[in-house]
Amino acid sequence: MQGDFIEHIAVLRRLGVETREVRLPKDLDGLAGLIIPGGESTTIGKLAAGYGLMDPLRMFGLRKAMWGTCAGMILMARDIGTDQPLLNLMDIEVQRNAFGRQKESFRSDIMVPVLSEGSVRPFPAIFIRAPKIVSASGKAKAIAFLPDGTAVAAREGKWLATSFHPELTTDDRFHRYFLSLVS
């Protein structure tokens, strides 16, 4: 509906995964997993509500793997401190635009032990008007941090959330990790 879904599709297709864009509830039928891309979380939420997608997305997420990148992470959170449509799936509190405006976008190499070679080969994380994870509780666990200790990725069961945009790099390890959650 909105966001950088084309980049995710390109990575998944390079990995040999069949993909489909989701714009309506019927588009969820038969999917094994779903990536909610970055973009503008308020816009994505309003469009999803307007097209009757919020409840079907929530129900899908309760049964299957889901990954939210940047704005997608915001949508999957239980709390963001403001009023906007949320899926309320992951037990994470998220702060929107935590690192500043578009011009403060940055790249940071982060260690992500859950990834292949993640303890020895850093992941090139790209942050664009990115949120951060303020807290992860219950079964949600932070799995990646900036050098200053800020949590920027979390996992809860088959749900994955990243503050950054793995689809904008040539490193496909996060997509491979998500595919392992789909299996």
N, C-alpha and C. Protein backbone atom coordinates (compact mmCIF):
# COMPACT_ATOMS: atom_id res chain seq x y z
N MET A 1 0.82 -1.20 0.00
CA MET A 1 0.00 0.00 0.00
C MET A 1 0.86 1.26 0.00
N GLN A 2 1.97 1.19 0.73
CA GLN A 2 2.86 2.34 0.81
C GLN A 2 4.16 1.85 1.42
N GLY A 3 5.26 2.43 1.04
CA GLY A 3 6.53 2.03 1.64
C GLY A 3 7.45 1.36 0.64
N ASP A 4 8.55 0.82 1.15
CA ASP A 4 9.61 0.27 0.29
C ASP A 4 9.46 -1.24 0.07
N PHE A 5 8.26 -1.65 -0.29
CA PHE A 5 7.99 -3.08 -0.50
C PHE A 5 8.73 -3.64 -1.71
N ILE A 6 8.97 -2.82 -2.72
CA ILE A 6 9.64 -3.29 -3.94
C ILE A 6 11.04 -3.82 -3.62
N GLU A 7 11.74 -3.14 -2.71
CA GLU A 7 13.09 -3.55 -2.34
C GLU A 7 13.07 -4.90 -1.61
N HIS A 8 12.07 -5.10 -0.74
CA HIS A 8 11.93 -6.41 -0.07
C HIS A 8 11.65 -7.51 -1.10
N ILE A 9 10.78 -7.22 -2.03
CA ILE A 9 10.44 -8.21 -3.07
C ILE A 9 11.69 -8.60 -3.85
N ALA A 10 12.52 -7.63 -4.19
CA ALA A 10 13.74 -7.92 -4.95
C ALA A 10 14.66 -8.86 -4.18
N VAL A 11 14.85 -8.60 -2.87
CA VAL A 11 15.72 -9.46 -2.07
C VAL A 11 15.13 -10.87 -2.00
N LEU A 12 13.85 -10.98 -1.71
CA LEU A 12 13.22 -12.30 -1.60
C LEU A 12 13.28 -13.08 -2.91
N ARG A 13 13.09 -12.40 -4.01
CA ARG A 13 13.17 -13.09 -5.31
C ARG A 13 14.58 -13.57 -5.59
N ARG A 14 15.60 -12.78 -5.20
CA ARG A 14 16.99 -13.23 -5.35
C ARG A 14 17.23 -14.50 -4.52
N LEU A 15 16.49 -14.64 -3.43
CA LEU A 15 16.62 -15.82 -2.57
C LEU A 15 15.73 -16.97 -3.04
N GLY A 16 15.02 -16.77 -4.16
CA GLY A 16 14.18 -17.82 -4.72
C GLY A 16 12.81 -17.95 -4.09
N VAL A 17 12.35 -16.89 -3.42
CA VAL A 17 11.06 -16.92 -2.73
C VAL A 17 9.99 -16.30 -3.62
N GLU A 18 8.86 -16.99 -3.72
CA GLU A 18 7.71 -16.45 -4.44
C GLU A 18 7.08 -15.35 -3.58
N THR A 19 6.78 -14.21 -4.18
CA THR A 19 6.26 -13.08 -3.43
C THR A 19 4.95 -12.58 -4.03
N ARG A 20 4.25 -11.78 -3.22
CA ARG A 20 3.01 -11.15 -3.68
C ARG A 20 2.83 -9.87 -2.87
N GLU A 21 2.36 -8.81 -3.52
CA GLU A 21 2.04 -7.58 -2.82
C GLU A 21 0.68 -7.74 -2.15
N VAL A 22 0.54 -7.15 -0.95
CA VAL A 22 -0.71 -7.23 -0.20
C VAL A 22 -1.31 -5.84 -0.11
N ARG A 23 -2.49 -5.69 -0.66
CA ARG A 23 -3.21 -4.42 -0.58
C ARG A 23 -4.62 -4.57 -0.03
N LEU A 24 -5.15 -5.78 -0.15
CA LEU A 24 -6.51 -6.08 0.31
C LEU A 24 -6.49 -7.35 1.16
N PRO A 25 -7.48 -7.55 2.03
CA PRO A 25 -7.49 -8.75 2.87
C PRO A 25 -7.33 -10.05 2.09
N LYS A 26 -7.93 -10.15 0.92
CA LYS A 26 -7.85 -11.40 0.13
C LYS A 26 -6.42 -11.71 -0.30
N ASP A 27 -5.57 -10.69 -0.37
CA ASP A 27 -4.18 -10.90 -0.78
C ASP A 27 -3.36 -11.68 0.26
N LEU A 28 -3.88 -11.80 1.48
CA LEU A 28 -3.20 -12.55 2.53
C LEU A 28 -3.39 -14.05 2.39
N ASP A 29 -4.41 -14.46 1.65
CA ASP A 29 -4.72 -15.88 1.50
C ASP A 29 -3.53 -16.65 0.92
N GLY A 30 -3.16 -17.72 1.59
CA GLY A 30 -2.11 -18.61 1.10
C GLY A 30 -0.69 -18.17 1.41
N LEU A 31 -0.50 -17.02 2.04
CA LEU A 31 0.85 -16.57 2.37
C LEU A 31 1.38 -17.31 3.59
N ALA A 32 2.67 -17.55 3.60
CA ALA A 32 3.32 -18.21 4.73
C ALA A 32 3.90 -17.20 5.71
N GLY A 33 4.16 -15.99 5.24
CA GLY A 33 4.73 -14.94 6.07
C GLY A 33 4.48 -13.59 5.41
N LEU A 34 4.69 -12.52 6.16
CA LEU A 34 4.41 -11.18 5.65
C LEU A 34 5.44 -10.20 6.17
N ILE A 35 5.92 -9.33 5.28
CA ILE A 35 6.80 -8.23 5.66
C ILE A 35 6.01 -6.94 5.52
N ILE A 36 5.94 -6.18 6.61
CA ILE A 36 5.34 -4.85 6.56
C ILE A 36 6.51 -3.88 6.42
N PRO A 37 6.59 -3.18 5.29
CA PRO A 37 7.78 -2.39 4.98
C PRO A 37 7.85 -1.06 5.72
N GLY A 38 8.98 -0.41 5.53
CA GLY A 38 9.13 0.96 5.99
C GLY A 38 8.28 1.87 5.12
N GLY A 39 8.18 3.09 5.51
CA GLY A 39 7.34 4.09 4.84
C GLY A 39 6.94 5.08 5.91
N GLU A 40 5.69 5.47 5.92
CA GLU A 40 5.18 6.39 6.94
C GLU A 40 4.11 5.64 7.71
N SER A 41 4.35 5.37 8.98
CA SER A 41 3.48 4.47 9.75
C SER A 41 2.05 5.00 9.88
N THR A 42 1.87 6.30 10.03
CA THR A 42 0.52 6.84 10.14
C THR A 42 -0.24 6.61 8.85
N THR A 43 0.41 6.84 7.72
CA THR A 43 -0.23 6.64 6.42
C THR A 43 -0.56 5.17 6.19
N ILE A 44 0.41 4.29 6.49
CA ILE A 44 0.16 2.86 6.31
C ILE A 44 -1.01 2.42 7.18
N GLY A 45 -1.04 2.86 8.44
CA GLY A 45 -2.12 2.50 9.35
C GLY A 45 -3.47 3.00 8.88
N LYS A 46 -3.52 4.25 8.42
CA LYS A 46 -4.79 4.82 7.93
C LYS A 46 -5.27 4.09 6.67
N LEU A 47 -4.34 3.80 5.75
CA LEU A 47 -4.72 3.07 4.54
C LEU A 47 -5.20 1.66 4.89
N ALA A 48 -4.48 0.98 5.79
CA ALA A 48 -4.88 -0.37 6.18
C ALA A 48 -6.25 -0.36 6.83
N ALA A 49 -6.52 0.62 7.68
CA ALA A 49 -7.84 0.74 8.31
C ALA A 49 -8.90 1.02 7.25
N GLY A 50 -8.61 1.93 6.33
CA GLY A 50 -9.56 2.30 5.28
C GLY A 50 -9.91 1.16 4.34
N TYR A 51 -8.97 0.26 4.11
CA TYR A 51 -9.20 -0.88 3.22
C TYR A 51 -9.59 -2.14 3.98
N GLY A 52 -9.92 -2.00 5.26
CA GLY A 52 -10.36 -3.14 6.05
C GLY A 52 -9.29 -4.18 6.29
N LEU A 53 -8.03 -3.73 6.38
CA LEU A 53 -6.91 -4.66 6.52
C LEU A 53 -6.43 -4.86 7.96
N MET A 54 -6.78 -3.97 8.87
CA MET A 54 -6.20 -4.06 10.22
C MET A 54 -6.53 -5.39 10.90
N ASP A 55 -7.79 -5.75 10.97
CA ASP A 55 -8.14 -7.02 11.62
C ASP A 55 -7.57 -8.23 10.88
N PRO A 56 -7.67 -8.29 9.53
CA PRO A 56 -7.05 -9.42 8.83
C PRO A 56 -5.54 -9.50 9.05
N LEU A 57 -4.84 -8.35 9.09
CA LEU A 57 -3.40 -8.36 9.36
C LEU A 57 -3.12 -8.88 10.77
N ARG A 58 -3.91 -8.41 11.74
CA ARG A 58 -3.74 -8.86 13.12
C ARG A 58 -3.96 -10.37 13.22
N MET A 59 -5.02 -10.87 12.59
CA MET A 59 -5.32 -12.30 12.63
C MET A 59 -4.22 -13.10 11.93
N PHE A 60 -3.72 -12.58 10.81
CA PHE A 60 -2.62 -13.23 10.09
C PHE A 60 -1.41 -13.34 11.02
N GLY A 61 -1.08 -12.23 11.68
CA GLY A 61 0.08 -12.20 12.56
C GLY A 61 -0.05 -13.14 13.75
N LEU A 62 -1.26 -13.39 14.20
CA LEU A 62 -1.44 -14.31 15.32
C LEU A 62 -1.16 -15.75 14.92
N ARG A 63 -1.20 -16.04 13.61
CA ARG A 63 -1.00 -17.41 13.13
C ARG A 63 0.32 -17.62 12.41
N LYS A 64 0.87 -16.56 11.83
CA LYS A 64 2.02 -16.75 10.93
C LYS A 64 3.13 -15.74 11.21
N ALA A 65 4.24 -15.93 10.54
CA ALA A 65 5.40 -15.06 10.72
C ALA A 65 5.15 -13.69 10.10
N MET A 66 5.62 -12.67 10.80
CA MET A 66 5.48 -11.30 10.32
C MET A 66 6.72 -10.52 10.71
N TRP A 67 7.17 -9.66 9.80
CA TRP A 67 8.35 -8.82 10.04
C TRP A 67 7.99 -7.39 9.69
N GLY A 68 8.24 -6.49 10.60
CA GLY A 68 8.04 -5.07 10.36
C GLY A 68 9.37 -4.35 10.33
N THR A 69 9.63 -3.64 9.23
CA THR A 69 10.85 -2.84 9.14
C THR A 69 10.47 -1.36 9.27
N CYS A 70 11.11 -0.66 10.17
CA CYS A 70 10.93 0.77 10.39
C CYS A 70 9.45 1.07 10.68
N ALA A 71 8.71 1.63 9.74
CA ALA A 71 7.28 1.90 9.96
C ALA A 71 6.52 0.62 10.27
N GLY A 72 6.92 -0.49 9.67
CA GLY A 72 6.29 -1.77 9.95
C GLY A 72 6.48 -2.19 11.40
N MET A 73 7.66 -1.87 11.96
CA MET A 73 7.90 -2.14 13.37
C MET A 73 6.95 -1.34 14.24
N ILE A 74 6.74 -0.09 13.89
CA ILE A 74 5.81 0.76 14.64
C ILE A 74 4.41 0.14 14.62
N LEU A 75 3.95 -0.31 13.46
CA LEU A 75 2.61 -0.90 13.35
C LEU A 75 2.47 -2.17 14.18
N MET A 76 3.53 -2.94 14.32
CA MET A 76 3.46 -4.19 15.06
C MET A 76 3.52 -4.00 16.57
N ALA A 77 3.96 -2.82 17.03
CA ALA A 77 4.16 -2.56 18.46
C ALA A 77 2.84 -2.45 19.23
N ARG A 78 2.94 -2.67 20.54
CA ARG A 78 1.78 -2.48 21.43
C ARG A 78 1.65 -1.03 21.88
N ASP A 79 2.77 -0.31 21.92
CA ASP A 79 2.73 1.05 22.46
C ASP A 79 3.74 1.91 21.71
N ILE A 80 3.28 3.08 21.24
CA ILE A 80 4.19 4.03 20.60
C ILE A 80 4.06 5.42 21.22
N GLY A 81 3.21 5.54 22.24
CA GLY A 81 3.07 6.82 22.93
C GLY A 81 2.17 7.83 22.24
N THR A 82 1.64 7.51 21.07
CA THR A 82 0.70 8.39 20.38
C THR A 82 -0.46 7.55 19.87
N ASP A 83 -1.50 8.24 19.43
CA ASP A 83 -2.70 7.56 18.97
C ASP A 83 -2.68 7.42 17.45
N GLN A 84 -2.53 6.20 16.98
CA GLN A 84 -2.62 5.88 15.56
C GLN A 84 -2.94 4.40 15.45
N PRO A 85 -3.45 3.94 14.30
CA PRO A 85 -3.77 2.51 14.16
C PRO A 85 -2.52 1.64 14.33
N LEU A 86 -2.63 0.63 15.22
CA LEU A 86 -1.55 -0.31 15.48
C LEU A 86 -2.10 -1.72 15.45
N LEU A 87 -1.24 -2.68 15.13
CA LEU A 87 -1.65 -4.08 15.16
C LEU A 87 -1.57 -4.66 16.57
N ASN A 88 -0.82 -4.01 17.45
CA ASN A 88 -0.71 -4.44 18.85
C ASN A 88 -0.29 -5.90 18.97
N LEU A 89 0.70 -6.32 18.20
CA LEU A 89 1.14 -7.71 18.24
C LEU A 89 2.33 -7.91 19.17
N MET A 90 3.41 -7.20 18.92
CA MET A 90 4.64 -7.42 19.69
C MET A 90 4.63 -6.64 21.00
N ASP A 91 5.16 -7.25 22.02
CA ASP A 91 5.22 -6.62 23.33
C ASP A 91 6.45 -5.70 23.40
N ILE A 92 6.42 -4.69 22.52
CA ILE A 92 7.50 -3.70 22.49
C ILE A 92 6.89 -2.30 22.54
N GLU A 93 7.64 -1.41 23.18
CA GLU A 93 7.30 0.01 23.16
C GLU A 93 8.30 0.68 22.22
N VAL A 94 7.77 1.47 21.30
CA VAL A 94 8.59 2.06 20.24
C VAL A 94 8.45 3.58 20.27
N GLN A 95 9.55 4.27 20.05
CA GLN A 95 9.54 5.73 19.90
C GLN A 95 9.76 6.06 18.44
N ARG A 96 8.79 6.73 17.84
CA ARG A 96 8.90 7.12 16.42
C ARG A 96 9.97 8.18 16.23
N ASN A 97 10.56 8.20 15.03
CA ASN A 97 11.55 9.22 14.64
C ASN A 97 12.57 9.49 15.75
N ALA A 98 13.05 8.44 16.37
CA ALA A 98 13.92 8.56 17.54
C ALA A 98 15.29 9.16 17.24
N PHE A 99 15.72 9.12 15.99
CA PHE A 99 17.05 9.59 15.65
C PHE A 99 17.03 10.89 14.86
N GLY A 100 15.86 11.52 14.79
CA GLY A 100 15.77 12.80 14.09
C GLY A 100 15.09 12.71 12.75
N ARG A 101 15.22 13.77 12.01
CA ARG A 101 14.55 13.92 10.72
C ARG A 101 15.31 13.18 9.61
N GLN A 102 14.78 13.28 8.42
CA GLN A 102 15.36 12.61 7.23
C GLN A 102 16.85 12.93 7.07
N LYS A 103 17.22 14.17 7.28
CA LYS A 103 18.62 14.57 7.08
C LYS A 103 19.57 13.97 8.10
N GLU A 104 19.02 13.42 9.21
CA GLU A 104 19.86 12.75 10.20
C GLU A 104 19.95 11.24 9.95
N SER A 105 19.53 10.79 8.78
CA SER A 105 19.64 9.37 8.45
C SER A 105 21.10 8.95 8.52
N PHE A 106 21.31 7.66 8.86
CA PHE A 106 22.70 7.20 9.02
C PHE A 106 22.79 5.69 8.81
N ARG A 107 24.04 5.23 8.72
CA ARG A 107 24.33 3.80 8.61
C ARG A 107 25.22 3.44 9.79
N SER A 108 24.97 2.27 10.38
CA SER A 108 25.78 1.80 11.50
C SER A 108 25.99 0.30 11.36
N ASP A 109 27.23 -0.12 11.51
CA ASP A 109 27.51 -1.56 11.53
C ASP A 109 27.15 -2.09 12.91
N ILE A 110 26.26 -3.09 12.96
CA ILE A 110 25.83 -3.64 14.24
C ILE A 110 26.06 -5.15 14.25
N MET A 111 26.35 -5.66 15.42
CA MET A 111 26.52 -7.10 15.60
C MET A 111 25.14 -7.68 15.93
N VAL A 112 24.78 -8.75 15.23
CA VAL A 112 23.47 -9.39 15.44
C VAL A 112 23.71 -10.90 15.57
N PRO A 113 23.96 -11.37 16.78
CA PRO A 113 24.33 -12.77 16.99
C PRO A 113 23.35 -13.80 16.42
N VAL A 114 22.07 -13.46 16.27
CA VAL A 114 21.11 -14.44 15.75
C VAL A 114 21.27 -14.67 14.24
N LEU A 115 21.99 -13.79 13.56
CA LEU A 115 22.22 -13.94 12.12
C LEU A 115 23.40 -14.86 11.87
N SER A 116 23.44 -15.42 10.68
CA SER A 116 24.61 -16.20 10.26
C SER A 116 25.85 -15.32 10.35
N GLU A 117 26.87 -15.78 11.03
CA GLU A 117 28.12 -15.03 11.26
C GLU A 117 27.89 -13.71 11.97
N GLY A 118 26.73 -13.56 12.63
CA GLY A 118 26.35 -12.30 13.25
C GLY A 118 27.21 -11.85 14.41
N SER A 119 27.98 -12.78 14.99
CA SER A 119 28.86 -12.42 16.10
C SER A 119 30.24 -11.97 15.62
N VAL A 120 30.54 -12.24 14.34
CA VAL A 120 31.86 -11.88 13.82
C VAL A 120 31.79 -10.93 12.62
N ARG A 121 30.66 -10.89 11.93
CA ARG A 121 30.52 -10.02 10.76
C ARG A 121 29.36 -9.07 11.01
N PRO A 122 29.64 -7.77 11.12
CA PRO A 122 28.58 -6.81 11.42
C PRO A 122 27.57 -6.70 10.27
N PHE A 123 26.35 -6.29 10.64
CA PHE A 123 25.30 -6.03 9.66
C PHE A 123 25.27 -4.53 9.38
N PRO A 124 25.22 -4.14 8.09
CA PRO A 124 25.23 -2.71 7.73
C PRO A 124 23.81 -2.12 7.82
N ALA A 125 23.42 -1.67 8.99
CA ALA A 125 22.05 -1.18 9.22
C ALA A 125 21.89 0.26 8.74
N ILE A 126 20.83 0.49 7.95
CA ILE A 126 20.53 1.82 7.41
C ILE A 126 19.30 2.36 8.12
N PHE A 127 19.44 3.51 8.76
CA PHE A 127 18.38 4.14 9.54
C PHE A 127 17.89 5.40 8.83
N ILE A 128 16.59 5.45 8.53
CA ILE A 128 15.99 6.60 7.85
C ILE A 128 14.76 7.03 8.65
N ARG A 129 14.85 8.18 9.32
CA ARG A 129 13.76 8.64 10.21
C ARG A 129 13.28 7.48 11.08
N ALA A 130 14.21 6.77 11.62
CA ALA A 130 13.96 5.48 12.25
C ALA A 130 13.40 5.59 13.67
N PRO A 131 12.59 4.59 14.02
CA PRO A 131 12.16 4.45 15.41
C PRO A 131 13.22 3.70 16.20
N LYS A 132 13.05 3.67 17.51
CA LYS A 132 13.89 2.81 18.35
C LYS A 132 12.99 2.05 19.31
N ILE A 133 13.51 0.96 19.83
CA ILE A 133 12.77 0.16 20.80
C ILE A 133 13.10 0.71 22.18
N VAL A 134 12.08 1.24 22.85
CA VAL A 134 12.24 1.78 24.19
C VAL A 134 12.29 0.65 25.20
N SER A 135 11.42 -0.37 25.00
CA SER A 135 11.43 -1.53 25.88
C SER A 135 10.86 -2.74 25.16
N ALA A 136 11.34 -3.89 25.53
CA ALA A 136 10.82 -5.17 25.06
C ALA A 136 10.51 -5.97 26.32
N SER A 137 9.28 -6.47 26.42
CA SER A 137 8.90 -7.20 27.62
C SER A 137 8.16 -8.48 27.25
N GLY A 138 7.75 -9.23 28.27
CA GLY A 138 7.08 -10.49 28.00
C GLY A 138 8.01 -11.41 27.24
N LYS A 139 7.51 -11.96 26.15
CA LYS A 139 8.31 -12.88 25.32
C LYS A 139 9.14 -12.14 24.27
N ALA A 140 8.95 -10.85 24.12
CA ALA A 140 9.74 -10.07 23.16
C ALA A 140 11.15 -9.86 23.70
N LYS A 141 12.13 -10.07 22.84
CA LYS A 141 13.53 -9.91 23.23
C LYS A 141 14.25 -9.05 22.19
N ALA A 142 15.00 -8.06 22.67
CA ALA A 142 15.84 -7.27 21.78
C ALA A 142 16.96 -8.16 21.26
N ILE A 143 17.24 -8.10 19.96
CA ILE A 143 18.27 -8.96 19.37
C ILE A 143 19.40 -8.18 18.69
N ALA A 144 19.26 -6.85 18.60
CA ALA A 144 20.33 -6.04 18.00
C ALA A 144 20.33 -4.67 18.65
N PHE A 145 21.54 -4.13 18.78
CA PHE A 145 21.73 -2.86 19.47
C PHE A 145 22.74 -2.00 18.72
N LEU A 146 22.55 -0.68 18.79
CA LEU A 146 23.58 0.24 18.33
C LEU A 146 24.74 0.20 19.32
N PRO A 147 25.89 0.71 18.93
CA PRO A 147 27.03 0.70 19.86
C PRO A 147 26.74 1.37 21.21
N ASP A 148 25.80 2.33 21.25
CA ASP A 148 25.47 3.00 22.52
C ASP A 148 24.47 2.22 23.37
N GLY A 149 24.05 1.02 22.89
CA GLY A 149 23.13 0.18 23.65
C GLY A 149 21.67 0.33 23.28
N THR A 150 21.35 1.22 22.35
CA THR A 150 19.97 1.41 21.90
C THR A 150 19.48 0.17 21.17
N ALA A 151 18.34 -0.37 21.59
CA ALA A 151 17.76 -1.55 20.94
C ALA A 151 17.14 -1.15 19.60
N VAL A 152 17.51 -1.90 18.54
CA VAL A 152 17.02 -1.56 17.19
C VAL A 152 16.42 -2.75 16.45
N ALA A 153 16.33 -3.90 17.10
CA ALA A 153 15.66 -5.07 16.51
C ALA A 153 15.17 -5.95 17.65
N ALA A 154 14.02 -6.61 17.40
CA ALA A 154 13.46 -7.50 18.41
C ALA A 154 12.78 -8.67 17.73
N ARG A 155 12.66 -9.74 18.52
CA ARG A 155 11.95 -10.93 18.06
C ARG A 155 11.02 -11.39 19.18
N GLU A 156 9.85 -11.82 18.78
CA GLU A 156 8.89 -12.43 19.70
C GLU A 156 8.24 -13.58 18.95
N GLY A 157 8.66 -14.80 19.23
CA GLY A 157 8.12 -15.96 18.51
C GLY A 157 8.42 -15.85 17.02
N LYS A 158 7.37 -15.83 16.20
CA LYS A 158 7.54 -15.72 14.75
C LYS A 158 7.49 -14.28 14.25
N TRP A 159 7.54 -13.35 15.17
CA TRP A 159 7.51 -11.93 14.80
C TRP A 159 8.90 -11.33 14.91
N LEU A 160 9.23 -10.50 13.94
CA LEU A 160 10.51 -9.82 13.88
C LEU A 160 10.25 -8.34 13.63
N ALA A 161 11.03 -7.48 14.26
CA ALA A 161 10.89 -6.04 14.05
C ALA A 161 12.28 -5.42 14.00
N THR A 162 12.50 -4.57 13.00
CA THR A 162 13.78 -3.87 12.87
C THR A 162 13.53 -2.38 12.66
N SER A 163 14.32 -1.55 13.35
CA SER A 163 14.23 -0.09 13.21
C SER A 163 14.77 0.36 11.86
N PHE A 164 15.60 -0.45 11.29
CA PHE A 164 16.37 -0.08 10.10
C PHE A 164 15.85 -0.83 8.87
N HIS A 165 16.52 -0.62 7.75
CA HIS A 165 16.08 -1.11 6.44
C HIS A 165 17.06 -2.12 5.85
N PRO A 166 16.96 -3.41 6.22
CA PRO A 166 17.86 -4.42 5.64
C PRO A 166 17.70 -4.56 4.13
N GLU A 167 16.53 -4.25 3.61
CA GLU A 167 16.27 -4.38 2.18
C GLU A 167 17.04 -3.37 1.33
N LEU A 168 17.62 -2.36 1.96
CA LEU A 168 18.39 -1.35 1.22
C LEU A 168 19.88 -1.66 1.19
N THR A 169 20.25 -2.84 1.69
CA THR A 169 21.65 -3.26 1.67
C THR A 169 21.81 -4.46 0.72
N THR A 170 23.04 -4.87 0.49
CA THR A 170 23.29 -6.08 -0.30
C THR A 170 23.41 -7.31 0.61
N ASP A 171 23.26 -7.11 1.92
CA ASP A 171 23.37 -8.19 2.89
C ASP A 171 21.98 -8.79 3.12
N ASP A 172 21.79 -10.04 2.73
CA ASP A 172 20.46 -10.66 2.82
C ASP A 172 20.26 -11.50 4.09
N ARG A 173 21.15 -11.37 5.07
CA ARG A 173 21.06 -12.22 6.26
C ARG A 173 19.78 -12.01 7.06
N PHE A 174 19.26 -10.80 7.15
CA PHE A 174 18.01 -10.60 7.89
C PHE A 174 16.84 -11.24 7.16
N HIS A 175 16.84 -11.16 5.83
CA HIS A 175 15.77 -11.82 5.07
C HIS A 175 15.86 -13.34 5.24
N ARG A 176 17.07 -13.87 5.24
CA ARG A 176 17.24 -15.32 5.48
C ARG A 176 16.78 -15.69 6.89
N TYR A 177 17.08 -14.84 7.86
CA TYR A 177 16.64 -15.09 9.23
C TYR A 177 15.10 -15.10 9.30
N PHE A 178 14.47 -14.13 8.66
CA PHE A 178 13.00 -14.10 8.64
C PHE A 178 12.44 -15.36 7.99
N LEU A 179 13.05 -15.79 6.90
CA LEU A 179 12.57 -17.01 6.23
C LEU A 179 12.67 -18.22 7.15
N SER A 180 13.67 -18.23 8.05
CA SER A 180 13.75 -19.34 9.01
C SER A 180 12.58 -19.28 10.00
N LEU A 181 12.07 -18.10 10.28
CA LEU A 181 10.89 -17.96 11.17
C LEU A 181 9.62 -18.39 10.44
N VAL A 182 9.59 -18.17 9.13
CA VAL A 182 8.43 -18.58 8.32
C VAL A 182 8.34 -20.08 8.27
N SER A 183 9.49 -20.75 8.19
CA SER A 183 9.49 -22.22 8.08
C SER A 183 8.83 -22.78 9.28
